[in-house]
Amino acid sequence: MSKPVDTLPTIKVPRPVPITTTRFRPPKKNIPQTKAERDSFLREIRNYVAEENPVPPMPLEELDVHARRILAKLGYENDETYLHYTAVCLNNEMWRETLAEIPYERRLLLMPKCLRVEDKCPAPFDEFGLLCKQCGLCSIQDFQNEAERLGYAVLVAEGSAIVMSLIQTGQIEAIVGISCLPVLERTFPYVEAAAIPSIAVPLLQDDCINTTVDIDWVWEYIHLTSDDQTRRLDLTGLHNEVKTWFTPEAIEQTMGPASGRQEEIAREWLARDGKRWRPFLTVAAYEALREDRGNPIPEDLKKIAFATELFHKASLVHDDIEDEDHGRYDQPTLNAEHGVAVALNAGDLLIGEGYRLIGECQASDAAKSQMLLVAARGQRELCRGQGAELVWARDPQPLTSKQVLEIFRQKTAPAFEVALKLGAAYAGQLDEVASVLEEYSENLGIAYQIRDDMDDLGADAGDNELEQMRPSVLLAVARERAKGNDKAVLDALWTHGDLEDIEIHKIRSLAHTLEADEKCLLLFETYKEAAVRALADLENANLKGLLRRVMGKIFNDLEIKGWCREFEVKNGVREE
């Protein structure tokens, strides 16, 4: 087996994300513990601002009144644990649209020196603060480089006197800051008195050493601009709308009446559970690039979005047959329910229907040609990745983590690339953004598959997962780090050897002991970050802003949970 996989090109591993962007340190108790919780707070705050339209600058006492109302909606009535955190986030959202109107070159990015890795940081200080040496150990380098590229003034300093003097010169009209809650509370009266638009991203710790911050929030606020006309687009609402397209009634409305039992079986499968990320991406790309922004989604676009989901659902049917799986979505697979022959034909039918819908849409002939070629190339790449895994399964041998990541690239990234490119092609702008979408999709797909890989061996997985062992980056990293008997156990897993005494909870414990879980979480964050970096040179502000938010939308909804109970307790994600 090793030859076919060894012939795959070496996967490109992006520069690892800075240590301080990983989520290995628990937040303080006055800040929501997980990213999913923090994003839930932010959504509720944004809804509140949209409904109530509070006007900044606002005195702290009045801000607290609004914060308490928001907390009550979130189920924290009479509980002030997150009061200051909510007030800070509310103040941010009140200034959000004002900040968007201010040019980058009139803004200041203010960071605290505690973001650095204190015992390793080589940077000296002068009267203006830290002079970053670009060592790559922390997130300061990345934030500073990107902000300065956009035109920001940047300071890594604690002193408010410098900031106030810059404001008084009139050179700075807005601040994007990172700070702990205690400092934000002390400086709030000065900022309020200056009436200057200010966004403050709270640090997740306030112990003044090696602190961390929600990197997605920082990136979003740094890049906020009025040039991005999609910044108010409700991605959750858009995603929910796309999901409604896949009820049996809605499917018939778009695809026409089913003809015969075989077509009914295929459509029943299409209507079954699914995240619908791919059609969502198609619509999102179109929304960013369309010229008549703000109008309803064209009915014709649904055909293109449907095509992406048809291709995806067909690939799942074929995967289940090839892997001899009998359960998906907590229901029997098509091959288990109807037999291999019927399931195989249903998958083929779904692919054909996808191409039919592209061909029947009202796009120009040139756009249709682009879309058909994009879909065909994506299908070819996906089959190559699945083929590499199938050849491996005939004579399974241990794979390196890079070999597993290459299979992930071929199996998962093409579907995201096809979805985005179809939306761009339908909008008539594929040529301008194709190369960026390719790099973005590759990194997005690998990150997505790493998350799935860890979930496959998560707390909800049974021991039968080991019997159906597939290429796993978690187990590849664990094997690369293991020695002696531990390595022999992992070799047995890879080669489908004697699994009689191997239980999945023991494998999770072993991977945790070897810190393979932390390495995979770092890889996950690294590829997420690489996807964002792929957008750096994208000139279209709408697409750039939307794709950056799409990253947060997908991975906040798909947060890695329940992988290893000990790991979660250690890091404050879940407590006894």
Protein backbone atom coordinates (compact mmCIF):
# COMPACT_ATOMS: atom_id res chain seq x y z
CA MET A 1 0.00 0.00 0.00
CA SER A 2 2.64 2.54 0.97
CA LYS A 3 3.65 3.26 -2.60
CA PRO A 4 0.35 4.83 -3.76
CA VAL A 5 0.19 7.12 -0.73
CA ASP A 6 3.90 7.89 -0.83
CA THR A 7 3.49 9.14 -4.39
CA LEU A 8 1.09 11.85 -3.23
CA PRO A 9 2.57 15.35 -3.22
CA THR A 10 3.77 16.61 0.14
CA ILE A 11 1.12 18.67 1.85
CA LYS A 12 1.99 22.29 2.58
CA VAL A 13 1.89 22.89 6.33
CA PRO A 14 1.38 26.61 7.10
CA ARG A 15 3.51 28.39 9.68
CA PRO A 16 2.07 27.37 13.08
CA VAL A 17 -0.21 29.90 14.71
CA PRO A 18 1.33 31.78 17.63
CA ILE A 19 1.20 30.06 21.00
CA THR A 20 -1.12 32.68 22.41
CA THR A 21 -3.82 32.01 19.82
CA THR A 22 -4.37 28.44 21.01
CA ARG A 23 -7.15 27.80 23.49
CA PHE A 24 -5.21 25.71 26.00
CA ARG A 25 -5.54 28.17 28.91
CA PRO A 26 -8.97 28.54 30.52
CA PRO A 27 -10.58 32.00 30.66
CA LYS A 28 -11.25 33.69 33.96
CA LYS A 29 -14.61 33.00 35.60
CA ASN A 30 -15.93 36.45 34.65
CA ILE A 31 -15.61 35.55 30.94
CA PRO A 32 -17.60 32.78 29.18
CA GLN A 33 -15.47 29.64 29.18
CA THR A 34 -15.77 28.38 25.60
CA LYS A 35 -15.65 30.12 22.25
CA ALA A 36 -19.15 28.84 21.46
CA GLU A 37 -20.46 30.57 24.60
CA ARG A 38 -18.62 33.80 23.81
CA ASP A 39 -20.02 33.86 20.30
CA SER A 40 -23.50 33.20 21.67
CA PHE A 41 -23.11 36.30 23.86
CA LEU A 42 -21.95 38.33 20.87
CA ARG A 43 -24.92 37.24 18.74
CA GLU A 44 -27.38 38.23 21.47
CA ILE A 45 -25.63 41.59 21.94
CA ARG A 46 -25.74 42.31 18.20
CA ASN A 47 -29.43 41.45 18.10
CA TYR A 48 -30.03 43.80 21.03
CA VAL A 49 -28.17 46.66 19.35
CA ALA A 50 -30.12 46.10 16.12
CA GLU A 51 -33.45 46.18 18.00
CA GLU A 52 -32.82 48.91 20.60
CA ASN A 53 -30.31 51.10 18.72
CA PRO A 54 -28.48 52.43 21.81
CA VAL A 55 -26.34 55.47 21.05
CA PRO A 56 -22.70 55.85 22.14
CA PRO A 57 -20.87 57.28 24.00
CA MET A 58 -22.79 55.98 27.01
CA PRO A 59 -21.97 56.41 30.73
CA LEU A 60 -20.96 53.21 32.50
CA GLU A 61 -24.07 53.21 34.71
CA GLU A 62 -26.36 53.31 31.67
CA LEU A 63 -24.23 50.71 29.90
CA ASP A 64 -24.70 48.38 32.86
CA VAL A 65 -28.49 48.77 32.65
CA HIS A 66 -28.47 47.59 29.04
CA ALA A 67 -25.98 44.82 29.86
CA ARG A 68 -28.30 43.47 32.56
CA ARG A 69 -31.17 43.32 30.06
CA ILE A 70 -29.00 41.31 27.68
CA LEU A 71 -27.91 38.96 30.47
CA ALA A 72 -31.57 38.37 31.37
CA LYS A 73 -32.26 37.33 27.77
CA LEU A 74 -29.31 34.95 27.97
CA GLY A 75 -30.65 33.37 31.18
CA TYR A 76 -28.37 35.21 33.63
CA GLU A 77 -30.98 37.38 35.37
CA ASN A 78 -29.72 38.53 38.80
CA ASP A 79 -26.35 36.96 38.00
CA GLU A 80 -23.59 39.56 37.49
CA THR A 81 -20.77 37.12 36.72
CA TYR A 82 -20.52 38.35 33.13
CA LEU A 83 -21.82 41.90 33.65
CA HIS A 84 -18.59 43.77 32.84
CA TYR A 85 -17.78 41.44 29.96
CA THR A 86 -21.23 42.03 28.47
CA ALA A 87 -20.92 45.79 28.94
CA VAL A 88 -17.58 45.85 27.09
CA CYS A 89 -18.97 43.80 24.20
CA LEU A 90 -22.08 45.99 24.07
CA ASN A 91 -19.95 49.15 23.90
CA ASN A 92 -18.02 47.55 21.02
CA GLU A 93 -21.16 46.84 19.05
CA MET A 94 -22.55 50.34 19.58
CA TRP A 95 -19.39 51.77 17.99
CA ARG A 96 -19.13 49.09 15.30
CA GLU A 97 -20.71 50.96 12.39
CA THR A 98 -18.96 54.21 13.30
CA LEU A 99 -15.61 52.42 13.28
CA ALA A 100 -16.40 50.93 9.87
CA GLU A 101 -16.68 54.42 8.38
CA ILE A 102 -13.25 55.57 9.65
CA PRO A 103 -10.29 54.92 7.29
CA TYR A 104 -7.69 52.43 8.49
CA GLU A 105 -4.98 55.09 8.46
CA ARG A 106 -6.91 57.09 11.07
CA ARG A 107 -7.10 54.18 13.51
CA LEU A 108 -4.85 52.95 16.31
CA LEU A 109 -4.34 49.29 17.22
CA LEU A 110 -3.40 49.11 20.90
CA MET A 111 -2.10 45.82 22.31
CA PRO A 112 -0.86 44.84 25.77
CA LYS A 113 2.65 43.48 26.27
CA CYS A 114 1.19 40.54 28.23
CA LEU A 115 0.26 38.89 24.91
CA ARG A 116 3.95 38.02 24.53
CA VAL A 117 5.53 34.83 25.85
CA GLU A 118 7.30 36.63 28.65
CA ASP A 119 10.12 34.21 29.43
CA LYS A 120 11.10 33.88 25.74
CA CYS A 121 10.28 37.29 24.24
CA PRO A 122 13.42 39.00 22.82
CA ALA A 123 11.73 42.37 22.25
CA PRO A 124 13.06 45.47 24.06
CA PHE A 125 11.03 48.50 25.20
CA ASP A 126 11.32 52.19 24.54
CA GLU A 127 9.20 55.12 25.70
CA PHE A 128 6.43 54.09 23.29
CA GLY A 129 6.22 50.46 24.37
CA LEU A 130 7.34 47.06 23.10
CA LEU A 131 9.45 46.87 19.93
CA CYS A 132 8.40 43.56 18.40
CA LYS A 133 11.28 41.46 17.03
CA GLN A 134 9.02 39.33 14.76
CA CYS A 135 10.09 36.11 16.50
CA GLY A 136 6.75 34.38 15.81
CA LEU A 137 6.22 33.22 19.40
CA CYS A 138 3.03 35.20 20.01
CA SER A 139 0.12 36.83 18.24
CA ILE A 140 1.52 40.39 18.52
CA GLN A 141 3.56 39.93 15.34
CA ASP A 142 0.60 38.83 13.21
CA PHE A 143 -1.75 41.53 14.51
CA GLN A 144 0.88 44.24 14.08
CA ASN A 145 1.91 43.21 10.57
CA GLU A 146 -1.64 43.02 9.28
CA ALA A 147 -2.74 46.26 10.95
CA GLU A 148 0.27 48.18 9.61
CA ARG A 149 -0.31 46.70 6.15
CA LEU A 150 -3.81 48.17 6.27
CA GLY A 151 -2.52 51.55 7.46
CA TYR A 152 -3.08 51.50 11.23
CA ALA A 153 -0.81 53.07 13.78
CA VAL A 154 0.22 50.32 16.22
CA LEU A 155 1.34 50.47 19.84
CA VAL A 156 2.20 47.65 22.23
CA ALA A 157 1.94 49.62 25.45
CA GLU A 158 -0.07 49.93 28.65
CA GLY A 159 0.09 53.69 29.18
CA SER A 160 -3.07 55.67 28.43
CA ALA A 161 -1.09 58.95 28.35
CA ILE A 162 0.45 58.10 24.97
CA VAL A 163 -2.94 57.14 23.57
CA MET A 164 -4.60 60.33 24.82
CA SER A 165 -1.81 62.47 23.36
CA LEU A 166 -2.27 60.80 19.96
CA ILE A 167 -6.00 61.46 20.13
CA GLN A 168 -5.41 65.09 20.98
CA THR A 169 -3.22 65.58 17.89
CA GLY A 170 -6.22 64.64 15.75
CA GLN A 171 -4.25 61.95 13.93
CA ILE A 172 -6.22 59.11 15.53
CA GLU A 173 -9.99 58.97 15.18
CA ALA A 174 -10.68 55.43 16.44
CA ILE A 175 -9.09 52.74 18.60
CA VAL A 176 -9.15 48.96 18.32
CA GLY A 177 -7.70 47.70 21.60
CA ILE A 178 -6.96 44.45 23.38
CA SER A 179 -6.98 44.49 27.16
CA CYS A 180 -8.05 42.70 30.34
CA LEU A 181 -11.34 43.63 32.00
CA PRO A 182 -9.77 45.42 35.01
CA VAL A 183 -7.80 47.77 32.74
CA LEU A 184 -10.83 48.37 30.54
CA GLU A 185 -12.85 49.36 33.61
CA ARG A 186 -10.17 51.86 34.72
CA THR A 187 -9.75 53.44 31.28
CA PHE A 188 -13.43 53.53 30.30
CA PRO A 189 -14.12 57.02 31.76
CA TYR A 190 -11.24 58.53 29.72
CA VAL A 191 -12.41 56.94 26.48
CA GLU A 192 -16.01 57.94 27.16
CA ALA A 193 -14.95 61.53 27.86
CA ALA A 194 -13.02 61.66 24.59
CA ALA A 195 -16.10 60.34 22.75
CA ILE A 196 -13.79 58.49 20.37
CA PRO A 197 -15.03 55.29 18.71
CA SER A 198 -13.33 52.44 20.54
CA ILE A 199 -13.51 48.68 20.24
CA ALA A 200 -11.96 46.68 23.09
CA VAL A 201 -11.47 42.93 22.73
CA PRO A 202 -11.21 41.47 26.26
CA LEU A 203 -8.30 39.22 27.11
CA LEU A 204 -9.37 35.79 28.27
CA GLN A 205 -7.15 36.08 31.35
CA ASP A 206 -6.27 39.06 33.54
CA ASP A 207 -3.16 37.73 35.27
CA CYS A 208 -0.80 39.96 33.20
CA ILE A 209 1.41 37.16 31.86
CA ASN A 210 1.18 35.02 28.70
CA THR A 211 -2.45 35.99 28.16
CA THR A 212 -4.70 34.92 25.28
CA VAL A 213 -7.41 36.56 23.21
CA ASP A 214 -10.17 35.45 20.87
CA ILE A 215 -8.21 35.82 17.63
CA ASP A 216 -11.32 35.64 15.40
CA TRP A 217 -12.78 38.71 17.11
CA VAL A 218 -9.55 40.67 16.76
CA TRP A 219 -9.27 39.89 13.05
CA GLU A 220 -12.89 40.88 12.45
CA TYR A 221 -12.62 44.24 14.21
CA ILE A 222 -9.23 45.09 12.65
CA HIS A 223 -10.61 44.55 9.15
CA LEU A 224 -14.00 46.20 9.70
CA THR A 225 -14.63 48.65 6.87
CA SER A 226 -17.57 50.34 5.18
CA ASP A 227 -16.17 49.08 1.86
CA ASP A 228 -17.47 45.65 2.91
CA GLN A 229 -21.14 46.01 2.11
CA THR A 230 -21.85 42.50 3.42
CA ARG A 231 -20.75 43.30 6.99
CA ARG A 232 -24.38 43.48 8.18
CA LEU A 233 -25.33 40.24 6.42
CA ASP A 234 -26.84 37.80 8.94
CA LEU A 235 -24.90 34.61 8.21
CA THR A 236 -26.91 32.56 10.70
CA GLY A 237 -30.15 33.73 9.07
CA LEU A 238 -28.74 32.96 5.61
CA HIS A 239 -27.64 29.49 6.70
CA ASN A 240 -31.05 28.80 8.23
CA GLU A 241 -32.76 29.90 5.02
CA VAL A 242 -30.60 27.55 2.95
CA LYS A 243 -31.55 24.68 5.27
CA THR A 244 -35.23 25.25 4.50
CA TRP A 245 -34.56 24.50 0.82
CA PHE A 246 -34.06 20.81 1.55
CA THR A 247 -37.44 19.74 2.83
CA PRO A 248 -39.19 17.22 0.52
CA GLU A 249 -41.60 19.93 -0.66
CA ALA A 250 -38.86 22.48 -1.34
CA ILE A 251 -36.74 19.88 -3.16
CA GLU A 252 -39.61 19.13 -5.52
CA GLN A 253 -40.16 22.85 -6.13
CA THR A 254 -36.55 23.30 -7.28
CA MET A 255 -35.91 19.96 -8.97
CA GLY A 256 -39.35 19.13 -10.29
CA PRO A 257 -41.50 16.05 -9.48
CA ALA A 258 -39.73 12.76 -8.83
CA SER A 259 -40.12 10.05 -11.42
CA GLY A 260 -40.13 6.49 -10.10
CA ARG A 261 -39.11 4.86 -6.83
CA GLN A 262 -35.34 5.14 -7.46
CA GLU A 263 -35.58 8.91 -7.74
CA GLU A 264 -37.72 9.05 -4.62
CA ILE A 265 -35.04 7.12 -2.69
CA ALA A 266 -32.33 9.49 -3.90
CA ARG A 267 -34.36 12.55 -2.88
CA GLU A 268 -35.20 11.06 0.52
CA TRP A 269 -31.46 10.82 1.08
CA LEU A 270 -30.96 14.42 -0.09
CA ALA A 271 -33.57 15.59 2.44
CA ARG A 272 -31.93 13.77 5.35
CA ASP A 273 -29.92 15.60 7.98
CA GLY A 274 -26.87 17.61 7.05
CA LYS A 275 -25.20 20.91 7.89
CA ARG A 276 -25.76 22.28 4.36
CA TRP A 277 -22.43 24.12 4.51
CA ARG A 278 -21.73 23.71 0.80
CA PRO A 279 -24.92 25.30 -0.56
CA PHE A 280 -24.52 27.97 2.12
CA LEU A 281 -21.03 28.75 0.80
CA THR A 282 -22.32 28.98 -2.76
CA VAL A 283 -24.98 31.50 -1.75
CA ALA A 284 -22.55 33.41 0.49
CA ALA A 285 -20.02 33.81 -2.33
CA TYR A 286 -22.76 35.01 -4.67
CA GLU A 287 -24.07 37.48 -2.06
CA ALA A 288 -20.59 38.98 -1.72
CA LEU A 289 -20.04 39.34 -5.47
CA ARG A 290 -23.50 40.15 -6.83
CA GLU A 291 -24.09 43.62 -8.24
CA ASP A 292 -27.71 43.97 -7.06
CA ARG A 293 -26.89 43.43 -3.37
CA GLY A 294 -29.84 43.56 -0.99
CA ASN A 295 -32.34 41.97 -3.35
CA PRO A 296 -33.85 38.52 -2.62
CA ILE A 297 -31.82 35.43 -3.53
CA PRO A 298 -32.68 34.50 -7.13
CA GLU A 299 -34.66 31.27 -7.47
CA ASP A 300 -32.28 30.31 -10.24
CA LEU A 301 -29.33 30.41 -7.82
CA LYS A 302 -30.97 27.65 -5.80
CA LYS A 303 -30.22 25.26 -8.65
CA ILE A 304 -26.51 26.01 -8.35
CA ALA A 305 -26.61 25.69 -4.56
CA PHE A 306 -28.55 22.43 -4.92
CA ALA A 307 -25.88 21.09 -7.26
CA THR A 308 -23.19 21.46 -4.57
CA GLU A 309 -25.31 19.54 -2.06
CA LEU A 310 -26.22 16.88 -4.64
CA PHE A 311 -22.53 16.26 -5.35
CA HIS A 312 -21.79 16.12 -1.61
CA LYS A 313 -24.63 13.74 -0.76
CA ALA A 314 -23.66 11.50 -3.69
CA SER A 315 -20.11 11.29 -2.34
CA LEU A 316 -21.47 10.21 1.05
CA VAL A 317 -23.50 7.43 -0.54
CA HIS A 318 -20.46 6.14 -2.37
CA ASP A 319 -18.23 6.53 0.71
CA ASP A 320 -20.64 4.46 2.79
CA ILE A 321 -20.65 1.69 0.18
CA GLU A 322 -16.86 1.71 -0.18
CA ASP A 323 -16.27 1.78 3.58
CA GLU A 324 -19.10 -0.71 4.30
CA ASP A 325 -20.68 1.70 6.76
CA HIS A 326 -24.21 1.02 7.95
CA GLY A 327 -25.11 4.17 9.86
CA ARG A 328 -25.15 7.91 9.16
CA TYR A 329 -27.24 10.73 10.64
CA ASP A 330 -28.34 8.20 13.32
CA GLN A 331 -30.15 6.30 10.58
CA PRO A 332 -29.27 3.38 8.28
CA THR A 333 -27.15 4.26 5.26
CA LEU A 334 -28.70 3.81 1.84
CA ASN A 335 -26.68 0.64 1.25
CA ALA A 336 -27.88 -0.78 4.58
CA GLU A 337 -31.49 0.20 3.91
CA HIS A 338 -31.86 -0.56 0.20
CA GLY A 339 -28.82 -2.65 -0.73
CA VAL A 340 -25.59 -1.75 -2.50
CA ALA A 341 -26.98 -1.75 -6.04
CA VAL A 342 -29.83 0.67 -5.32
CA ALA A 343 -27.58 2.92 -3.20
CA LEU A 344 -24.88 3.01 -5.87
CA ASN A 345 -27.41 3.97 -8.50
CA ALA A 346 -28.89 6.64 -6.20
CA GLY A 347 -25.45 8.21 -5.81
CA ASP A 348 -24.92 8.22 -9.56
CA LEU A 349 -28.36 9.76 -10.04
CA LEU A 350 -27.59 12.58 -7.59
CA ILE A 351 -24.40 13.45 -9.51
CA GLY A 352 -26.32 13.53 -12.77
CA GLU A 353 -28.99 15.74 -11.23
CA GLY A 354 -26.31 18.18 -10.06
CA TYR A 355 -24.98 18.59 -13.59
CA ARG A 356 -28.54 18.87 -14.94
CA LEU A 357 -29.38 21.76 -12.61
CA ILE A 358 -26.20 23.62 -13.59
CA GLY A 359 -27.04 23.12 -17.25
CA GLU A 360 -30.63 24.33 -16.79
CA CYS A 361 -29.81 27.52 -14.89
CA GLN A 362 -30.19 30.91 -16.56
CA ALA A 363 -26.52 31.90 -16.38
CA SER A 364 -24.62 32.86 -19.52
CA ASP A 365 -23.07 30.10 -21.62
CA ALA A 366 -19.61 31.21 -20.50
CA ALA A 367 -20.60 31.01 -16.82
CA LYS A 368 -22.22 27.60 -17.34
CA SER A 369 -19.06 26.34 -18.99
CA GLN A 370 -17.01 27.57 -16.03
CA MET A 371 -19.35 25.95 -13.52
CA LEU A 372 -19.39 22.58 -15.28
CA LEU A 373 -15.59 22.56 -15.48
CA VAL A 374 -15.27 23.53 -11.82
CA ALA A 375 -17.62 20.72 -10.78
CA ALA A 376 -15.87 18.13 -12.96
CA ARG A 377 -12.42 19.05 -11.66
CA GLY A 378 -13.66 18.95 -8.08
CA GLN A 379 -15.21 15.52 -8.64
CA ARG A 380 -11.92 14.25 -10.06
CA GLU A 381 -9.86 15.56 -7.13
CA LEU A 382 -12.28 14.14 -4.56
CA CYS A 383 -12.15 10.71 -6.22
CA ARG A 384 -8.35 10.80 -6.20
CA GLY A 385 -8.35 11.42 -2.45
CA GLN A 386 -10.92 8.72 -1.78
CA GLY A 387 -8.99 6.42 -4.10
CA ALA A 388 -5.78 6.93 -2.12
CA GLU A 389 -7.65 5.93 1.03
CA LEU A 390 -9.23 2.89 -0.62
CA VAL A 391 -5.89 1.66 -1.95
CA TRP A 392 -4.44 2.12 1.54
CA ALA A 393 -7.30 0.08 3.03
CA ARG A 394 -6.38 -2.95 0.87
CA ASP A 395 -3.05 -3.23 2.68
CA PRO A 396 -3.15 -0.74 5.57
CA GLN A 397 0.18 0.57 6.86
CA PRO A 398 1.00 3.47 9.19
CA LEU A 399 0.90 6.89 7.52
CA THR A 400 2.73 10.04 8.51
CA SER A 401 0.70 13.05 9.60
CA LYS A 402 1.63 14.82 6.34
CA GLN A 403 0.32 11.90 4.28
CA VAL A 404 -2.96 11.96 6.19
CA LEU A 405 -3.27 15.72 5.70
CA GLU A 406 -2.76 15.24 1.96
CA ILE A 407 -5.65 12.78 1.87
CA PHE A 408 -7.73 15.32 3.80
CA ARG A 409 -6.81 17.98 1.23
CA GLN A 410 -8.00 15.84 -1.65
CA LYS A 411 -11.12 14.45 0.02
CA THR A 412 -12.60 17.52 1.71
CA ALA A 413 -11.17 20.71 0.24
CA PRO A 414 -12.58 20.16 -3.32
CA ALA A 415 -16.19 20.31 -2.10
CA PHE A 416 -15.63 23.71 -0.46
CA GLU A 417 -13.76 24.98 -3.50
CA VAL A 418 -16.52 23.87 -5.87
CA ALA A 419 -19.20 25.47 -3.69
CA LEU A 420 -17.44 28.84 -3.55
CA LYS A 421 -16.40 28.86 -7.19
CA LEU A 422 -19.91 28.03 -8.40
CA GLY A 423 -21.26 31.04 -6.50
CA ALA A 424 -18.52 33.25 -7.92
CA ALA A 425 -19.07 31.95 -11.46
CA TYR A 426 -22.82 32.56 -11.24
CA ALA A 427 -22.03 36.13 -10.15
CA GLY A 428 -19.77 36.46 -13.21
CA GLN A 429 -16.55 37.08 -11.23
CA LEU A 430 -14.79 33.73 -10.98
CA ASP A 431 -11.71 34.76 -12.96
CA GLU A 432 -10.93 37.60 -10.54
CA VAL A 433 -11.07 35.48 -7.37
CA ALA A 434 -10.33 31.88 -8.44
CA SER A 435 -6.78 31.61 -7.08
CA VAL A 436 -7.73 33.03 -3.67
CA LEU A 437 -10.71 30.68 -3.41
CA GLU A 438 -8.44 27.72 -4.15
CA GLU A 439 -5.99 28.53 -1.34
CA TYR A 440 -8.76 29.47 1.08
CA SER A 441 -10.71 26.28 0.37
CA GLU A 442 -7.66 24.04 0.73
CA ASN A 443 -6.93 25.32 4.22
CA LEU A 444 -10.60 25.45 5.21
CA GLY A 445 -11.10 21.85 4.06
CA ILE A 446 -8.09 20.51 5.95
CA ALA A 447 -9.13 22.31 9.14
CA TYR A 448 -12.66 20.96 8.76
CA GLN A 449 -11.41 17.40 8.34
CA ILE A 450 -9.03 17.66 11.33
CA ARG A 451 -12.03 18.63 13.44
CA ASP A 452 -14.03 15.69 12.08
CA ASP A 453 -11.08 13.39 12.68
CA MET A 454 -10.93 14.33 16.36
CA ASP A 455 -14.69 14.00 16.70
CA ASP A 456 -14.57 10.50 15.18
CA LEU A 457 -12.50 9.43 18.18
CA GLY A 458 -14.39 11.66 20.61
CA ALA A 459 -16.26 10.83 23.78
CA ASP A 460 -19.35 9.72 21.84
CA ALA A 461 -17.43 7.24 19.68
CA GLY A 462 -17.70 3.50 20.33
CA ASP A 463 -15.03 0.83 20.08
CA ASN A 464 -16.32 -0.10 16.60
CA GLU A 465 -14.63 3.12 15.38
CA LEU A 466 -11.33 1.31 15.87
CA GLU A 467 -12.49 -1.63 13.77
CA GLN A 468 -13.32 0.80 10.94
CA MET A 469 -9.99 2.60 11.27
CA ARG A 470 -9.37 5.17 8.55
CA PRO A 471 -6.41 7.50 8.03
CA SER A 472 -6.37 9.70 11.13
CA VAL A 473 -4.08 12.66 11.74
CA LEU A 474 -4.59 12.27 15.49
CA LEU A 475 -3.35 8.68 15.45
CA ALA A 476 -0.59 9.55 12.97
CA VAL A 477 0.76 12.21 15.32
CA ALA A 478 0.39 9.86 18.29
CA ARG A 479 2.35 7.13 16.49
CA GLU A 480 5.09 9.59 15.49
CA ARG A 481 5.56 10.43 19.16
CA ALA A 482 5.08 6.95 20.66
CA LYS A 483 7.77 4.49 21.67
CA GLY A 484 7.98 0.85 22.75
CA ASN A 485 4.69 -0.87 23.56
CA ASP A 486 2.66 2.28 22.90
CA LYS A 487 3.97 2.37 19.33
CA ALA A 488 3.18 -1.34 18.91
CA VAL A 489 -0.42 -0.70 19.98
CA LEU A 490 -0.78 2.12 17.47
CA ASP A 491 0.84 0.00 14.75
CA ALA A 492 -1.82 -2.64 15.37
CA LEU A 493 -4.49 0.02 14.91
CA TRP A 494 -3.02 1.23 11.65
CA THR A 495 -2.59 -2.25 10.19
CA HIS A 496 -5.97 -3.52 11.45
CA GLY A 497 -4.13 -6.07 13.56
CA ASP A 498 -5.22 -7.66 16.84
CA LEU A 499 -7.66 -5.20 18.44
CA GLU A 500 -9.06 -7.59 21.05
CA ASP A 501 -7.59 -5.79 24.06
CA ILE A 502 -7.65 -2.26 22.62
CA GLU A 503 -10.47 0.04 23.77
CA ILE A 504 -11.15 3.49 22.42
CA HIS A 505 -10.95 5.23 25.80
CA LYS A 506 -7.43 3.80 26.21
CA ILE A 507 -6.46 5.16 22.80
CA ARG A 508 -7.81 8.60 23.76
CA SER A 509 -5.84 8.48 26.99
CA LEU A 510 -2.68 7.43 25.11
CA ALA A 511 -3.09 10.23 22.55
CA HIS A 512 -3.56 12.68 25.40
CA THR A 513 -0.46 11.43 27.23
CA LEU A 514 1.55 11.84 24.03
CA GLU A 515 0.05 15.35 23.59
CA ALA A 516 -1.19 14.35 20.14
CA ASP A 517 -4.50 16.03 20.96
CA GLU A 518 -2.78 19.36 21.59
CA LYS A 519 -0.75 19.00 18.39
CA CYS A 520 -3.93 18.37 16.39
CA LEU A 521 -5.67 21.34 17.96
CA LEU A 522 -2.65 23.44 16.98
CA LEU A 523 -2.85 22.07 13.41
CA PHE A 524 -6.57 22.86 13.40
CA GLU A 525 -5.94 26.47 14.44
CA THR A 526 -3.01 26.74 12.02
CA TYR A 527 -5.05 25.78 8.96
CA LYS A 528 -7.92 28.04 10.06
CA GLU A 529 -5.43 30.90 10.31
CA ALA A 530 -3.91 29.99 6.92
CA ALA A 531 -7.36 30.24 5.35
CA VAL A 532 -7.73 33.78 6.73
CA ARG A 533 -4.24 34.72 5.54
CA ALA A 534 -5.14 33.53 2.04
CA LEU A 535 -7.52 36.49 1.86
CA ALA A 536 -4.83 39.11 2.50
CA ASP A 537 -4.37 40.17 -1.11
CA LEU A 538 -8.02 39.86 -2.11
CA GLU A 539 -9.11 43.24 -3.45
CA ASN A 540 -12.85 42.65 -3.19
CA ALA A 541 -13.71 43.91 0.31
CA ASN A 542 -17.13 42.24 0.28
CA LEU A 543 -15.77 38.76 -0.44
CA LYS A 544 -12.82 39.22 1.92
CA GLY A 545 -15.00 40.27 4.84
CA LEU A 546 -17.64 37.65 4.22
CA LEU A 547 -15.22 34.74 3.89
CA ARG A 548 -13.47 35.79 7.10
CA ARG A 549 -16.81 35.69 8.93
CA VAL A 550 -17.73 32.41 7.25
CA MET A 551 -14.72 30.82 8.98
CA GLY A 552 -16.11 31.85 12.34
CA LYS A 553 -19.60 30.71 11.41
CA ILE A 554 -18.56 27.20 10.36
CA PHE A 555 -16.16 26.46 13.18
CA ASN A 556 -18.16 28.11 15.94
CA ASP A 557 -21.09 25.88 15.01
CA LEU A 558 -18.75 22.86 14.83
CA GLU A 559 -16.67 23.37 17.95
CA ILE A 560 -14.60 20.34 18.96
CA LYS A 561 -16.34 18.91 22.00
CA GLY A 562 -16.01 15.89 24.23
CA TRP A 563 -12.75 14.59 22.81
CA CYS A 564 -11.01 13.75 26.05
CA ARG A 565 -12.64 14.40 29.39
CA GLU A 566 -9.31 14.80 31.18
CA PHE A 567 -8.16 17.29 28.53
CA GLU A 568 -11.33 19.35 28.85
CA VAL A 569 -11.15 19.47 32.64
CA LYS A 570 -7.48 20.43 32.51
CA ASN A 571 -8.25 23.35 30.19
CA GLY A 572 -11.40 24.56 31.85
CA VAL A 573 -13.70 23.63 28.96
CA ARG A 574 -15.73 21.35 31.21
CA GLU A 575 -15.52 20.94 34.96
CA GLU A 576 -16.50 18.10 37.26
